[in-house]
């Protein structure tokens, strides 16, 4: 069992990834001191580099951080970063995670396979994993097995998976996935179930090395994510891990200055977005209109099924007008 902290990537949605250069360095240094197994440093994006932000236009931009040896990851949203921007991998400590939607699965897996041929260890992160049917999941596993990436991550994109959903998907994948491929879990806390779902998953017998995503102080869009400080304490107490809590508390103290201005965490609107299986940006849009919870519920209930998982600003503007 390993932990992948993605505060600097998933938490970045809160502040447009503008953590500041000093906070970026301090966060990474403290996570290393805590013994967190993987640290996700941000996104690969085709944008102008900014030392205060956690996205990178190239491998050279990432190397400019001059980080100590550790296991790092960067994420690519499939379709937002040209494969031609990659050169042959010269740092095996850096893993690439590729997030993709179900309708782009085949193209994304070809992208992942090309990255693997360039020497990268790559994770496949199928977004909204719980909207896959059993047949579609089996097809996904077959295709993943054929290219054998470094890892496959179950992604609870909307934060609306219950324990039975997590365990059903986990068990199906664990039975059929090549045992050498690592199996990850990335959850959002819209229903306040990230911690309990993760605990349930970890208790299940499994053939794979399991990698759990988390964020310090749960930092993340809307309701946020599984808290790094919670899960590492749980693993220390129940699985004889040796993560150190004090360095993570230093990160929390630093992040509280952000939280006081742009808070995240449980709120009724994001709960409503989860139970309606809608993109969290719909909730964020309606919050800004200062609608009541009952009004938000009514608007979300009108979103057509085919528009729920992808944010459509024109649609929500029309429905809420």
C-alpha atoms as a PDB file:
ATOM      1  CA  UNK A   1       0.000   0.000   0.000  1.00  0.00           C
ATOM      2  CA  UNK A   2       1.394   3.364  -1.054  1.00  0.00           C
ATOM      3  CA  UNK A   3       0.252   6.991  -0.875  1.00  0.00           C
ATOM      4  CA  UNK A   4       0.277   9.421  -3.799  1.00  0.00           C
ATOM      5  CA  UNK A   5      -0.202  12.985  -2.606  1.00  0.00           C
ATOM      6  CA  UNK A   6      -1.706  15.216  -5.287  1.00  0.00           C
ATOM      7  CA  UNK A   7      -2.147  18.456  -3.321  1.00  0.00           C
ATOM      8  CA  UNK A   8      -0.100  20.486  -5.803  1.00  0.00           C
ATOM      9  CA  UNK A   9      -2.100  19.147  -8.740  1.00  0.00           C
ATOM     10  CA  UNK A  10      -5.712  18.500  -7.650  1.00  0.00           C
ATOM     11  CA  UNK A  11      -5.553  21.142  -4.939  1.00  0.00           C
ATOM     12  CA  UNK A  12      -4.492  23.615  -7.578  1.00  0.00           C
ATOM     13  CA  UNK A  13      -8.051  23.930  -8.901  1.00  0.00           C
ATOM     14  CA  UNK A  14      -8.778  26.114  -5.872  1.00  0.00           C
ATOM     15  CA  UNK A  15      -6.229  28.816  -6.767  1.00  0.00           C
ATOM     16  CA  UNK A  16      -5.538  28.314 -10.474  1.00  0.00           C
ATOM     17  CA  UNK A  17      -2.408  26.387  -9.415  1.00  0.00           C
ATOM     18  CA  UNK A  18      -0.820  29.623  -8.149  1.00  0.00           C
ATOM     19  CA  UNK A  19       0.767  28.228  -4.983  1.00  0.00           C
ATOM     20  CA  UNK A  20       3.856  30.393  -5.151  1.00  0.00           C
ATOM     21  CA  UNK A  21       7.386  29.115  -5.732  1.00  0.00           C
ATOM     22  CA  UNK A  22       8.330  28.998  -2.054  1.00  0.00           C
ATOM     23  CA  UNK A  23       5.177  27.115  -1.031  1.00  0.00           C
ATOM     24  CA  UNK A  24       5.715  24.610  -3.855  1.00  0.00           C
ATOM     25  CA  UNK A  25       9.255  23.856  -2.678  1.00  0.00           C
ATOM     26  CA  UNK A  26       8.238  23.697   0.993  1.00  0.00           C
ATOM     27  CA  UNK A  27       5.276  21.411   0.297  1.00  0.00           C
ATOM     28  CA  UNK A  28       7.430  18.952  -1.632  1.00  0.00           C
ATOM     29  CA  UNK A  29      10.186  19.039   1.006  1.00  0.00           C
ATOM     30  CA  UNK A  30       7.707  18.356   3.822  1.00  0.00           C
ATOM     31  CA  UNK A  31       5.984  15.538   1.930  1.00  0.00           C
ATOM     32  CA  UNK A  32       9.385  13.922   1.372  1.00  0.00           C
ATOM     33  CA  UNK A  33      10.128  14.296   5.093  1.00  0.00           C
ATOM     34  CA  UNK A  34       6.789  12.660   5.858  1.00  0.00           C
ATOM     35  CA  UNK A  35       7.745   9.683   3.691  1.00  0.00           C
ATOM     36  CA  UNK A  36       4.836  10.028   1.260  1.00  0.00           C
ATOM     37  CA  UNK A  37       5.565   7.524  -1.502  1.00  0.00           C
ATOM     38  CA  UNK A  38       4.650   9.590  -4.577  1.00  0.00           C
ATOM     39  CA  UNK A  39       4.290  13.354  -4.925  1.00  0.00           C
ATOM     40  CA  UNK A  40       2.272  14.759  -7.813  1.00  0.00           C
ATOM     41  CA  UNK A  41       3.794  18.119  -8.677  1.00  0.00           C
ATOM     42  CA  UNK A  42       1.159  19.373 -11.103  1.00  0.00           C
ATOM     43  CA  UNK A  43      -0.033  19.216 -14.698  1.00  0.00           C
ATOM     44  CA  UNK A  44       1.749  19.107 -18.017  1.00  0.00           C
ATOM     45  CA  UNK A  45       0.057  21.873 -20.010  1.00  0.00           C
ATOM     46  CA  UNK A  46       0.783  23.749 -23.205  1.00  0.00           C
ATOM     47  CA  UNK A  47       0.915  27.084 -21.398  1.00  0.00           C
ATOM     48  CA  UNK A  48       3.622  29.572 -20.576  1.00  0.00           C
ATOM     49  CA  UNK A  49       5.658  28.415 -17.587  1.00  0.00           C
ATOM     50  CA  UNK A  50       5.315  30.313 -14.331  1.00  0.00           C
ATOM     51  CA  UNK A  51       7.557  29.436 -11.363  1.00  0.00           C
ATOM     52  CA  UNK A  52       4.675  30.222  -8.993  1.00  0.00           C
ATOM     53  CA  UNK A  53       2.310  27.743 -10.646  1.00  0.00           C
ATOM     54  CA  UNK A  54       2.190  23.950 -10.674  1.00  0.00           C
ATOM     55  CA  UNK A  55       1.921  23.309 -14.368  1.00  0.00           C
ATOM     56  CA  UNK A  56       4.796  22.697 -16.716  1.00  0.00           C
ATOM     57  CA  UNK A  57       5.149  23.078 -20.467  1.00  0.00           C
ATOM     58  CA  UNK A  58       7.934  20.499 -20.771  1.00  0.00           C
ATOM     59  CA  UNK A  59      10.214  18.098 -18.972  1.00  0.00           C
ATOM     60  CA  UNK A  60      12.869  20.820 -18.935  1.00  0.00           C
ATOM     61  CA  UNK A  61      10.469  23.130 -17.090  1.00  0.00           C
ATOM     62  CA  UNK A  62       9.834  20.446 -14.507  1.00  0.00           C
ATOM     63  CA  UNK A  63      13.575  19.783 -14.107  1.00  0.00           C
ATOM     64  CA  UNK A  64      14.066  23.471 -13.306  1.00  0.00           C
ATOM     65  CA  UNK A  65      12.639  22.724  -9.834  1.00  0.00           C
ATOM     66  CA  UNK A  66      15.907  20.866  -9.065  1.00  0.00           C
ATOM     67  CA  UNK A  67      14.128  18.378  -6.792  1.00  0.00           C
ATOM     68  CA  UNK A  68      15.894  15.685  -4.754  1.00  0.00           C
ATOM     69  CA  UNK A  69      15.528  12.057  -5.821  1.00  0.00           C
ATOM     70  CA  UNK A  70      11.999  10.841  -5.080  1.00  0.00           C
ATOM     71  CA  UNK A  71       8.999   9.352  -6.851  1.00  0.00           C
ATOM     72  CA  UNK A  72       7.215  12.228  -8.591  1.00  0.00           C
ATOM     73  CA  UNK A  73       4.231  12.287 -10.915  1.00  0.00           C
ATOM     74  CA  UNK A  74       2.803  14.766 -13.396  1.00  0.00           C
ATOM     75  CA  UNK A  75      -0.696  14.537 -14.866  1.00  0.00           C
ATOM     76  CA  UNK A  76      -1.882  15.008 -18.422  1.00  0.00           C
ATOM     77  CA  UNK A  77      -5.529  15.473 -19.305  1.00  0.00           C
ATOM     78  CA  UNK A  78      -5.711  13.545 -22.571  1.00  0.00           C
ATOM     79  CA  UNK A  79      -6.148  15.936 -25.484  1.00  0.00           C
ATOM     80  CA  UNK A  80      -4.469  18.870 -23.707  1.00  0.00           C
ATOM     81  CA  UNK A  81      -0.809  17.985 -24.222  1.00  0.00           C
ATOM     82  CA  UNK A  82       0.735  16.899 -27.512  1.00  0.00           C
ATOM     83  CA  UNK A  83       2.648  13.621 -27.401  1.00  0.00           C
ATOM     84  CA  UNK A  84       5.314  15.260 -29.570  1.00  0.00           C
ATOM     85  CA  UNK A  85       6.277  17.434 -26.590  1.00  0.00           C
ATOM     86  CA  UNK A  86       7.799  14.382 -24.918  1.00  0.00           C
ATOM     87  CA  UNK A  87      11.340  13.217 -25.519  1.00  0.00           C
ATOM     88  CA  UNK A  88      12.876   9.959 -24.329  1.00  0.00           C
ATOM     89  CA  UNK A  89      12.585   9.548 -20.564  1.00  0.00           C
ATOM     90  CA  UNK A  90      15.798  10.227 -18.671  1.00  0.00           C
ATOM     91  CA  UNK A  91      14.333  10.228 -15.143  1.00  0.00           C
ATOM     92  CA  UNK A  92      12.711   6.962 -14.057  1.00  0.00           C
ATOM     93  CA  UNK A  93      11.648   8.618 -10.788  1.00  0.00           C
ATOM     94  CA  UNK A  94       9.105  10.660 -12.752  1.00  0.00           C
ATOM     95  CA  UNK A  95       5.807   8.951 -13.599  1.00  0.00           C
ATOM     96  CA  UNK A  96       3.163  10.337 -15.957  1.00  0.00           C
ATOM     97  CA  UNK A  97      -0.540   9.965 -15.216  1.00  0.00           C
ATOM     98  CA  UNK A  98      -2.950  10.264 -18.137  1.00  0.00           C
ATOM     99  CA  UNK A  99      -6.574  11.075 -17.312  1.00  0.00           C
ATOM    100  CA  UNK A 100      -9.140  10.386 -20.003  1.00  0.00           C
ATOM    101  CA  UNK A 101     -12.877  10.199 -20.587  1.00  0.00           C
ATOM    102  CA  UNK A 102     -14.586   6.994 -21.630  1.00  0.00           C
ATOM    103  CA  UNK A 103     -15.274   8.200 -25.176  1.00  0.00           C
ATOM    104  CA  UNK A 104     -11.524   8.820 -25.648  1.00  0.00           C
ATOM    105  CA  UNK A 105     -10.350   5.526 -24.166  1.00  0.00           C
ATOM    106  CA  UNK A 106      -8.793   3.953 -27.255  1.00  0.00           C
ATOM    107  CA  UNK A 107      -6.954   7.121 -28.290  1.00  0.00           C
ATOM    108  CA  UNK A 108      -5.735   7.713 -24.731  1.00  0.00           C
ATOM    109  CA  UNK A 109      -4.397   4.188 -24.416  1.00  0.00           C
ATOM    110  CA  UNK A 110      -2.494   4.612 -27.681  1.00  0.00           C
ATOM    111  CA  UNK A 111      -1.041   7.816 -26.183  1.00  0.00           C
ATOM    112  CA  UNK A 112      -0.096   5.912 -23.022  1.00  0.00           C
ATOM    113  CA  UNK A 113       1.518   3.153 -25.061  1.00  0.00           C
ATOM    114  CA  UNK A 114       3.618   5.709 -26.967  1.00  0.00           C
ATOM    115  CA  UNK A 115       4.737   7.237 -23.664  1.00  0.00           C
ATOM    116  CA  UNK A 116       5.702   3.796 -22.412  1.00  0.00           C
ATOM    117  CA  UNK A 117       7.793   3.234 -25.543  1.00  0.00           C
ATOM    118  CA  UNK A 118       9.603   6.502 -24.762  1.00  0.00           C
ATOM    119  CA  UNK A 119      10.617   4.943 -21.452  1.00  0.00           C
ATOM    120  CA  UNK A 120       8.053   6.503 -19.093  1.00  0.00           C
ATOM    121  CA  UNK A 121       6.208   4.727 -16.322  1.00  0.00           C
ATOM    122  CA  UNK A 122       2.594   5.683 -17.006  1.00  0.00           C
ATOM    123  CA  UNK A 123      -0.674   5.460 -15.105  1.00  0.00           C
ATOM    124  CA  UNK A 124      -4.003   5.122 -16.939  1.00  0.00           C
ATOM    125  CA  UNK A 125      -6.660   7.160 -15.089  1.00  0.00           C
ATOM    126  CA  UNK A 126     -10.124   6.510 -16.571  1.00  0.00           C
ATOM    127  CA  UNK A 127     -12.312   9.346 -15.328  1.00  0.00           C
ATOM    128  CA  UNK A 128     -15.791   8.538 -13.999  1.00  0.00           C
ATOM    129  CA  UNK A 129     -14.797   4.896 -13.621  1.00  0.00           C
ATOM    130  CA  UNK A 130     -18.173   4.093 -12.051  1.00  0.00           C
ATOM    131  CA  UNK A 131     -20.086   4.947 -15.249  1.00  0.00           C
ATOM    132  CA  UNK A 132     -18.417   2.020 -17.040  1.00  0.00           C
ATOM    133  CA  UNK A 133     -20.630  -1.045 -17.388  1.00  0.00           C
ATOM    134  CA  UNK A 134     -19.149  -4.382 -16.352  1.00  0.00           C
ATOM    135  CA  UNK A 135     -18.606  -5.245 -20.009  1.00  0.00           C
ATOM    136  CA  UNK A 136     -16.900  -1.899 -20.632  1.00  0.00           C
ATOM    137  CA  UNK A 137     -14.672  -2.371 -17.609  1.00  0.00           C
ATOM    138  CA  UNK A 138     -13.631  -5.802 -18.828  1.00  0.00           C
ATOM    139  CA  UNK A 139     -12.823  -4.342 -22.233  1.00  0.00           C
ATOM    140  CA  UNK A 140     -10.803  -1.583 -20.563  1.00  0.00           C
ATOM    141  CA  UNK A 141      -8.844  -4.128 -18.521  1.00  0.00           C
ATOM    142  CA  UNK A 142      -8.089  -6.212 -21.622  1.00  0.00           C
ATOM    143  CA  UNK A 143      -6.759  -3.156 -23.438  1.00  0.00           C
ATOM    144  CA  UNK A 144      -4.740  -2.040 -20.415  1.00  0.00           C
ATOM    145  CA  UNK A 145      -3.260  -5.520 -20.013  1.00  0.00           C
ATOM    146  CA  UNK A 146      -2.205  -5.476 -23.651  1.00  0.00           C
ATOM    147  CA  UNK A 147      -0.002  -2.400 -23.126  1.00  0.00           C
ATOM    148  CA  UNK A 148       0.888  -3.071 -19.447  1.00  0.00           C
ATOM    149  CA  UNK A 149       1.271   0.459 -18.060  1.00  0.00           C
ATOM    150  CA  UNK A 150       2.749   1.168 -14.639  1.00  0.00           C
ATOM    151  CA  UNK A 151      -0.659   1.594 -13.027  1.00  0.00           C
ATOM    152  CA  UNK A 152      -4.425   1.794 -13.490  1.00  0.00           C
ATOM    153  CA  UNK A 153      -6.393   4.133 -11.221  1.00  0.00           C
ATOM    154  CA  UNK A 154     -10.054   3.882 -10.228  1.00  0.00           C
ATOM    155  CA  UNK A 155     -11.330   7.479 -10.338  1.00  0.00           C
ATOM    156  CA  UNK A 156     -14.402   8.614  -8.412  1.00  0.00           C
ATOM    157  CA  UNK A 157     -14.615  11.839 -10.392  1.00  0.00           C
ATOM    158  CA  UNK A 158     -17.935  13.063  -9.004  1.00  0.00           C
ATOM    159  CA  UNK A 159     -17.430  11.765  -5.482  1.00  0.00           C
ATOM    160  CA  UNK A 160     -20.687   9.826  -5.666  1.00  0.00           C
ATOM    161  CA  UNK A 161     -19.441   6.251  -5.212  1.00  0.00           C
ATOM    162  CA  UNK A 162     -20.638   4.250  -2.239  1.00  0.00           C
ATOM    163  CA  UNK A 163     -18.652   1.440  -0.641  1.00  0.00           C
ATOM    164  CA  UNK A 164     -20.396  -1.237  -2.707  1.00  0.00           C
ATOM    165  CA  UNK A 165     -19.549   0.632  -5.916  1.00  0.00           C
ATOM    166  CA  UNK A 166     -15.884   0.952  -4.983  1.00  0.00           C
ATOM    167  CA  UNK A 167     -15.557  -2.691  -3.943  1.00  0.00           C
ATOM    168  CA  UNK A 168     -17.398  -4.047  -6.990  1.00  0.00           C
ATOM    169  CA  UNK A 169     -15.099  -2.149  -9.356  1.00  0.00           C
ATOM    170  CA  UNK A 170     -11.991  -2.917  -7.307  1.00  0.00           C
ATOM    171  CA  UNK A 171     -12.722  -6.648  -7.144  1.00  0.00           C
ATOM    172  CA  UNK A 172     -13.492  -6.896 -10.858  1.00  0.00           C
ATOM    173  CA  UNK A 173     -10.259  -5.126 -11.786  1.00  0.00           C
ATOM    174  CA  UNK A 174      -8.151  -6.932  -9.179  1.00  0.00           C
ATOM    175  CA  UNK A 175      -9.263 -10.323 -10.546  1.00  0.00           C
ATOM    176  CA  UNK A 176      -8.450  -9.566 -14.180  1.00  0.00           C
ATOM    177  CA  UNK A 177      -5.695  -6.959 -14.255  1.00  0.00           C
ATOM    178  CA  UNK A 178      -2.131  -8.120 -14.826  1.00  0.00           C
ATOM    179  CA  UNK A 179      -0.732  -8.474 -11.268  1.00  0.00           C
ATOM    180  CA  UNK A 180       2.358  -6.451 -12.186  1.00  0.00           C
ATOM    181  CA  UNK A 181       0.223  -3.362 -12.873  1.00  0.00           C
ATOM    182  CA  UNK A 182      -0.349  -1.210  -9.814  1.00  0.00           C
ATOM    183  CA  UNK A 183      -3.950  -0.425  -8.864  1.00  0.00           C
ATOM    184  CA  UNK A 184      -4.833   3.065  -7.689  1.00  0.00           C
ATOM    185  CA  UNK A 185      -7.840   4.809  -6.159  1.00  0.00           C
ATOM    186  CA  UNK A 186      -8.615   8.517  -6.498  1.00  0.00           C
ATOM    187  CA  UNK A 187     -11.691   9.749  -4.655  1.00  0.00           C
ATOM    188  CA  UNK A 188     -13.519  13.020  -4.068  1.00  0.00           C
ATOM    189  CA  UNK A 189     -15.263  13.751  -0.815  1.00  0.00           C
ATOM    190  CA  UNK A 190     -18.622  15.103  -1.990  1.00  0.00           C
ATOM    191  CA  UNK A 191     -20.553  12.567   0.116  1.00  0.00           C
ATOM    192  CA  UNK A 192     -17.943  12.541   2.913  1.00  0.00           C
ATOM    193  CA  UNK A 193     -17.071   8.935   1.988  1.00  0.00           C
ATOM    194  CA  UNK A 194     -13.470   9.199   0.763  1.00  0.00           C
ATOM    195  CA  UNK A 195     -11.958   7.921   4.017  1.00  0.00           C
ATOM    196  CA  UNK A 196     -14.484   5.154   4.672  1.00  0.00           C
ATOM    197  CA  UNK A 197     -14.416   3.961   1.050  1.00  0.00           C
ATOM    198  CA  UNK A 198     -10.612   3.856   1.139  1.00  0.00           C
ATOM    199  CA  UNK A 199     -10.569   1.902   4.399  1.00  0.00           C
ATOM    200  CA  UNK A 200     -13.029  -0.614   2.952  1.00  0.00           C
ATOM    201  CA  UNK A 201     -10.914  -1.016  -0.178  1.00  0.00           C
ATOM    202  CA  UNK A 202      -7.711  -1.551   1.792  1.00  0.00           C
ATOM    203  CA  UNK A 203      -9.306  -4.318   3.857  1.00  0.00           C
ATOM    204  CA  UNK A 204     -10.072  -6.362   0.752  1.00  0.00           C
ATOM    205  CA  UNK A 205      -7.641  -9.130  -0.240  1.00  0.00           C
ATOM    206  CA  UNK A 206      -5.834  -7.991  -3.375  1.00  0.00           C
ATOM    207  CA  UNK A 207      -3.151  -9.143  -5.789  1.00  0.00           C
ATOM    208  CA  UNK A 208      -1.849  -5.718  -6.688  1.00  0.00           C
ATOM    209  CA  UNK A 209       0.186  -3.019  -5.041  1.00  0.00           C
ATOM    210  CA  UNK A 210      -2.437  -0.427  -4.130  1.00  0.00           C
ATOM    211  CA  UNK A 211      -1.747   3.303  -4.487  1.00  0.00           C
ATOM    212  CA  UNK A 212      -4.112   5.704  -2.742  1.00  0.00           C
ATOM    213  CA  UNK A 213      -4.447   9.334  -3.860  1.00  0.00           C
ATOM    214  CA  UNK A 214      -4.829  11.991  -1.188  1.00  0.00           C
ATOM    215  CA  UNK A 215      -4.365  15.717  -0.589  1.00  0.00           C
ATOM    216  CA  UNK A 216      -3.087  17.510   2.480  1.00  0.00           C
ATOM    217  CA  UNK A 217      -6.013  19.023   4.420  1.00  0.00           C
ATOM    218  CA  UNK A 218      -8.227  17.486   1.738  1.00  0.00           C
ATOM    219  CA  UNK A 219      -7.406  20.388  -0.577  1.00  0.00           C
ATOM    220  CA  UNK A 220      -9.412  20.135  -3.764  1.00  0.00           C
ATOM    221  CA  UNK A 221     -12.227  21.606  -5.801  1.00  0.00           C
ATOM    222  CA  UNK A 222     -15.596  21.689  -4.074  1.00  0.00           C
ATOM    223  CA  UNK A 223     -15.808  19.164  -1.263  1.00  0.00           C
ATOM    224  CA  UNK A 224     -12.149  18.292  -1.646  1.00  0.00           C
ATOM    225  CA  UNK A 225     -10.329  14.975  -1.473  1.00  0.00           C
ATOM    226  CA  UNK A 226      -9.188  12.287   0.919  1.00  0.00           C
ATOM    227  CA  UNK A 227      -7.000  13.927   3.575  1.00  0.00           C
ATOM    228  CA  UNK A 228      -3.355  12.849   3.492  1.00  0.00           C
ATOM    229  CA  UNK A 229      -3.040  13.357   7.251  1.00  0.00           C
ATOM    230  CA  UNK A 230      -5.991  11.022   7.904  1.00  0.00           C
ATOM    231  CA  UNK A 231      -4.935   8.170   5.653  1.00  0.00           C
ATOM    232  CA  UNK A 232      -1.256   8.107   6.659  1.00  0.00           C
ATOM    233  CA  UNK A 233      -2.187   7.992  10.366  1.00  0.00           C
ATOM    234  CA  UNK A 234      -4.606   5.150   9.600  1.00  0.00           C
ATOM    235  CA  UNK A 235      -1.927   3.229   7.700  1.00  0.00           C
ATOM    236  CA  UNK A 236       0.578   3.803  10.504  1.00  0.00           C
ATOM    237  CA  UNK A 237      -1.837   2.452  13.111  1.00  0.00           C
ATOM    238  CA  UNK A 238      -3.301  -0.439  11.140  1.00  0.00           C
ATOM    239  CA  UNK A 239      -0.692  -1.513   8.588  1.00  0.00           C
ATOM    240  CA  UNK A 240       2.601  -0.777  10.391  1.00  0.00           C
ATOM    241  CA  UNK A 241       3.584   2.060   8.071  1.00  0.00           C
ATOM    242  CA  UNK A 242       6.064   4.674   9.185  1.00  0.00           C
ATOM    243  CA  UNK A 243       4.775   7.936   7.742  1.00  0.00           C
ATOM    244  CA  UNK A 244       5.650  11.039   9.773  1.00  0.00           C
ATOM    245  CA  UNK A 245       2.787  13.349  10.726  1.00  0.00           C
ATOM    246  CA  UNK A 246       4.610  16.584  11.851  1.00  0.00           C
ATOM    247  CA  UNK A 247       5.868  17.540   8.350  1.00  0.00           C
ATOM    248  CA  UNK A 248       2.312  17.218   6.998  1.00  0.00           C
ATOM    249  CA  UNK A 249       1.077  19.509   9.776  1.00  0.00           C
ATOM    250  CA  UNK A 250       3.539  22.133   8.533  1.00  0.00           C
ATOM    251  CA  UNK A 251       1.914  21.933   5.109  1.00  0.00           C
ATOM    252  CA  UNK A 252      -1.543  22.249   6.701  1.00  0.00           C
ATOM    253  CA  UNK A 253      -0.479  25.369   8.595  1.00  0.00           C
ATOM    254  CA  UNK A 254       0.669  26.865   5.310  1.00  0.00           C
ATOM    255  CA  UNK A 255      -2.476  25.873   3.385  1.00  0.00           C
ATOM    256  CA  UNK A 256      -4.775  27.401   6.002  1.00  0.00           C
ATOM    257  CA  UNK A 257      -3.901  30.836   4.646  1.00  0.00           C
ATOM    258  CA  UNK A 258      -5.364  29.731   1.298  1.00  0.00           C
ATOM    259  CA  UNK A 259      -8.345  28.021   2.915  1.00  0.00           C
ATOM    260  CA  UNK A 260      -9.314  31.190   4.778  1.00  0.00           C
ATOM    261  CA  UNK A 261      -9.689  33.050   1.450  1.00  0.00           C
ATOM    262  CA  UNK A 262     -10.875  30.289  -0.899  1.00  0.00           C
ATOM    263  CA  UNK A 263     -12.325  27.505   1.268  1.00  0.00           C
ATOM    264  CA  UNK A 264     -13.009  23.927   0.246  1.00  0.00           C
ATOM    265  CA  UNK A 265     -14.738  21.092   2.056  1.00  0.00           C
ATOM    266  CA  UNK A 266     -18.217  19.770   2.635  1.00  0.00           C
ATOM    267  CA  UNK A 267     -21.096  21.908   1.416  1.00  0.00           C
ATOM    268  CA  UNK A 268     -24.678  21.118   0.486  1.00  0.00           C
ATOM    269  CA  UNK A 269     -24.373  22.316  -3.131  1.00  0.00           C
ATOM    270  CA  UNK A 270     -21.486  19.915  -3.832  1.00  0.00           C
ATOM    271  CA  UNK A 271     -23.391  17.140  -2.076  1.00  0.00           C
ATOM    272  CA  UNK A 272     -26.319  17.900  -4.410  1.00  0.00           C
ATOM    273  CA  UNK A 273     -24.036  17.832  -7.459  1.00  0.00           C
ATOM    274  CA  UNK A 274     -22.830  14.376  -6.384  1.00  0.00           C
ATOM    275  CA  UNK A 275     -26.271  12.869  -5.815  1.00  0.00           C
ATOM    276  CA  UNK A 276     -27.432  14.238  -9.183  1.00  0.00           C
ATOM    277  CA  UNK A 277     -24.200  12.847 -10.752  1.00  0.00           C
ATOM    278  CA  UNK A 278     -23.296  16.296 -12.082  1.00  0.00           C
ATOM    279  CA  UNK A 279     -19.933  17.956 -12.649  1.00  0.00           C
ATOM    280  CA  UNK A 280     -18.964  19.970  -9.529  1.00  0.00           C
ATOM    281  CA  UNK A 281     -18.568  23.139 -11.603  1.00  0.00           C
ATOM    282  CA  UNK A 282     -22.357  23.232 -11.913  1.00  0.00           C
ATOM    283  CA  UNK A 283     -22.556  23.568  -8.136  1.00  0.00           C
ATOM    284  CA  UNK A 284     -19.836  26.222  -8.147  1.00  0.00           C
ATOM    285  CA  UNK A 285     -21.701  28.231 -10.778  1.00  0.00           C
ATOM    286  CA  UNK A 286     -24.963  28.099  -8.813  1.00  0.00           C
ATOM    287  CA  UNK A 287     -23.214  28.989  -5.547  1.00  0.00           C
ATOM    288  CA  UNK A 288     -21.940  32.178  -7.189  1.00  0.00           C
ATOM    289  CA  UNK A 289     -25.544  33.063  -8.084  1.00  0.00           C
ATOM    290  CA  UNK A 290     -26.336  32.831  -4.348  1.00  0.00           C
ATOM    291  CA  UNK A 291     -29.223  30.418  -4.916  1.00  0.00           C
ATOM    292  CA  UNK A 292     -30.663  28.549  -1.964  1.00  0.00           C
ATOM    293  CA  UNK A 293     -29.928  24.843  -1.571  1.00  0.00           C
ATOM    294  CA  UNK A 294     -33.508  24.025  -2.575  1.00  0.00           C
ATOM    295  CA  UNK A 295     -33.151  26.141  -5.712  1.00  0.00           C
ATOM    296  CA  UNK A 296     -29.816  24.517  -6.562  1.00  0.00           C
ATOM    297  CA  UNK A 297     -31.417  21.084  -6.172  1.00  0.00           C
ATOM    298  CA  UNK A 298     -34.214  22.094  -8.535  1.00  0.00           C
ATOM    299  CA  UNK A 299     -31.822  23.411 -11.193  1.00  0.00           C
ATOM    300  CA  UNK A 300     -29.524  20.380 -11.025  1.00  0.00           C
ATOM    301  CA  UNK A 301     -32.497  18.041 -11.381  1.00  0.00           C
ATOM    302  CA  UNK A 302     -33.227  19.626 -14.780  1.00  0.00           C
ATOM    303  CA  UNK A 303     -29.824  18.892 -16.328  1.00  0.00           C
ATOM    304  CA  UNK A 304     -30.200  16.234 -19.051  1.00  0.00           C
ATOM    305  CA  UNK A 305     -28.320  12.962 -18.528  1.00  0.00           C
ATOM    306  CA  UNK A 306     -26.030  13.567 -21.492  1.00  0.00           C
ATOM    307  CA  UNK A 307     -24.946  16.948 -20.088  1.00  0.00           C
ATOM    308  CA  UNK A 308     -24.247  15.980 -16.483  1.00  0.00           C
ATOM    309  CA  UNK A 309     -20.631  14.872 -16.374  1.00  0.00           C
ATOM    310  CA  UNK A 310     -19.234  17.653 -18.593  1.00  0.00           C
ATOM    311  CA  UNK A 311     -19.739  21.240 -17.447  1.00  0.00           C
ATOM    312  CA  UNK A 312     -21.835  23.249 -19.923  1.00  0.00           C
ATOM    313  CA  UNK A 313     -21.928  26.897 -18.860  1.00  0.00           C
ATOM    314  CA  UNK A 314     -24.463  27.954 -21.461  1.00  0.00           C
ATOM    315  CA  UNK A 315     -26.841  25.232 -20.334  1.00  0.00           C
ATOM    316  CA  UNK A 316     -26.601  26.017 -16.613  1.00  0.00           C
ATOM    317  CA  UNK A 317     -26.947  29.723 -17.357  1.00  0.00           C
ATOM    318  CA  UNK A 318     -30.171  28.999 -19.227  1.00  0.00           C
ATOM    319  CA  UNK A 319     -31.560  26.654 -16.569  1.00  0.00           C
ATOM    320  CA  UNK A 320     -30.776  29.027 -13.723  1.00  0.00           C
ATOM    321  CA  UNK A 321     -31.953  32.174 -15.496  1.00  0.00           C
END
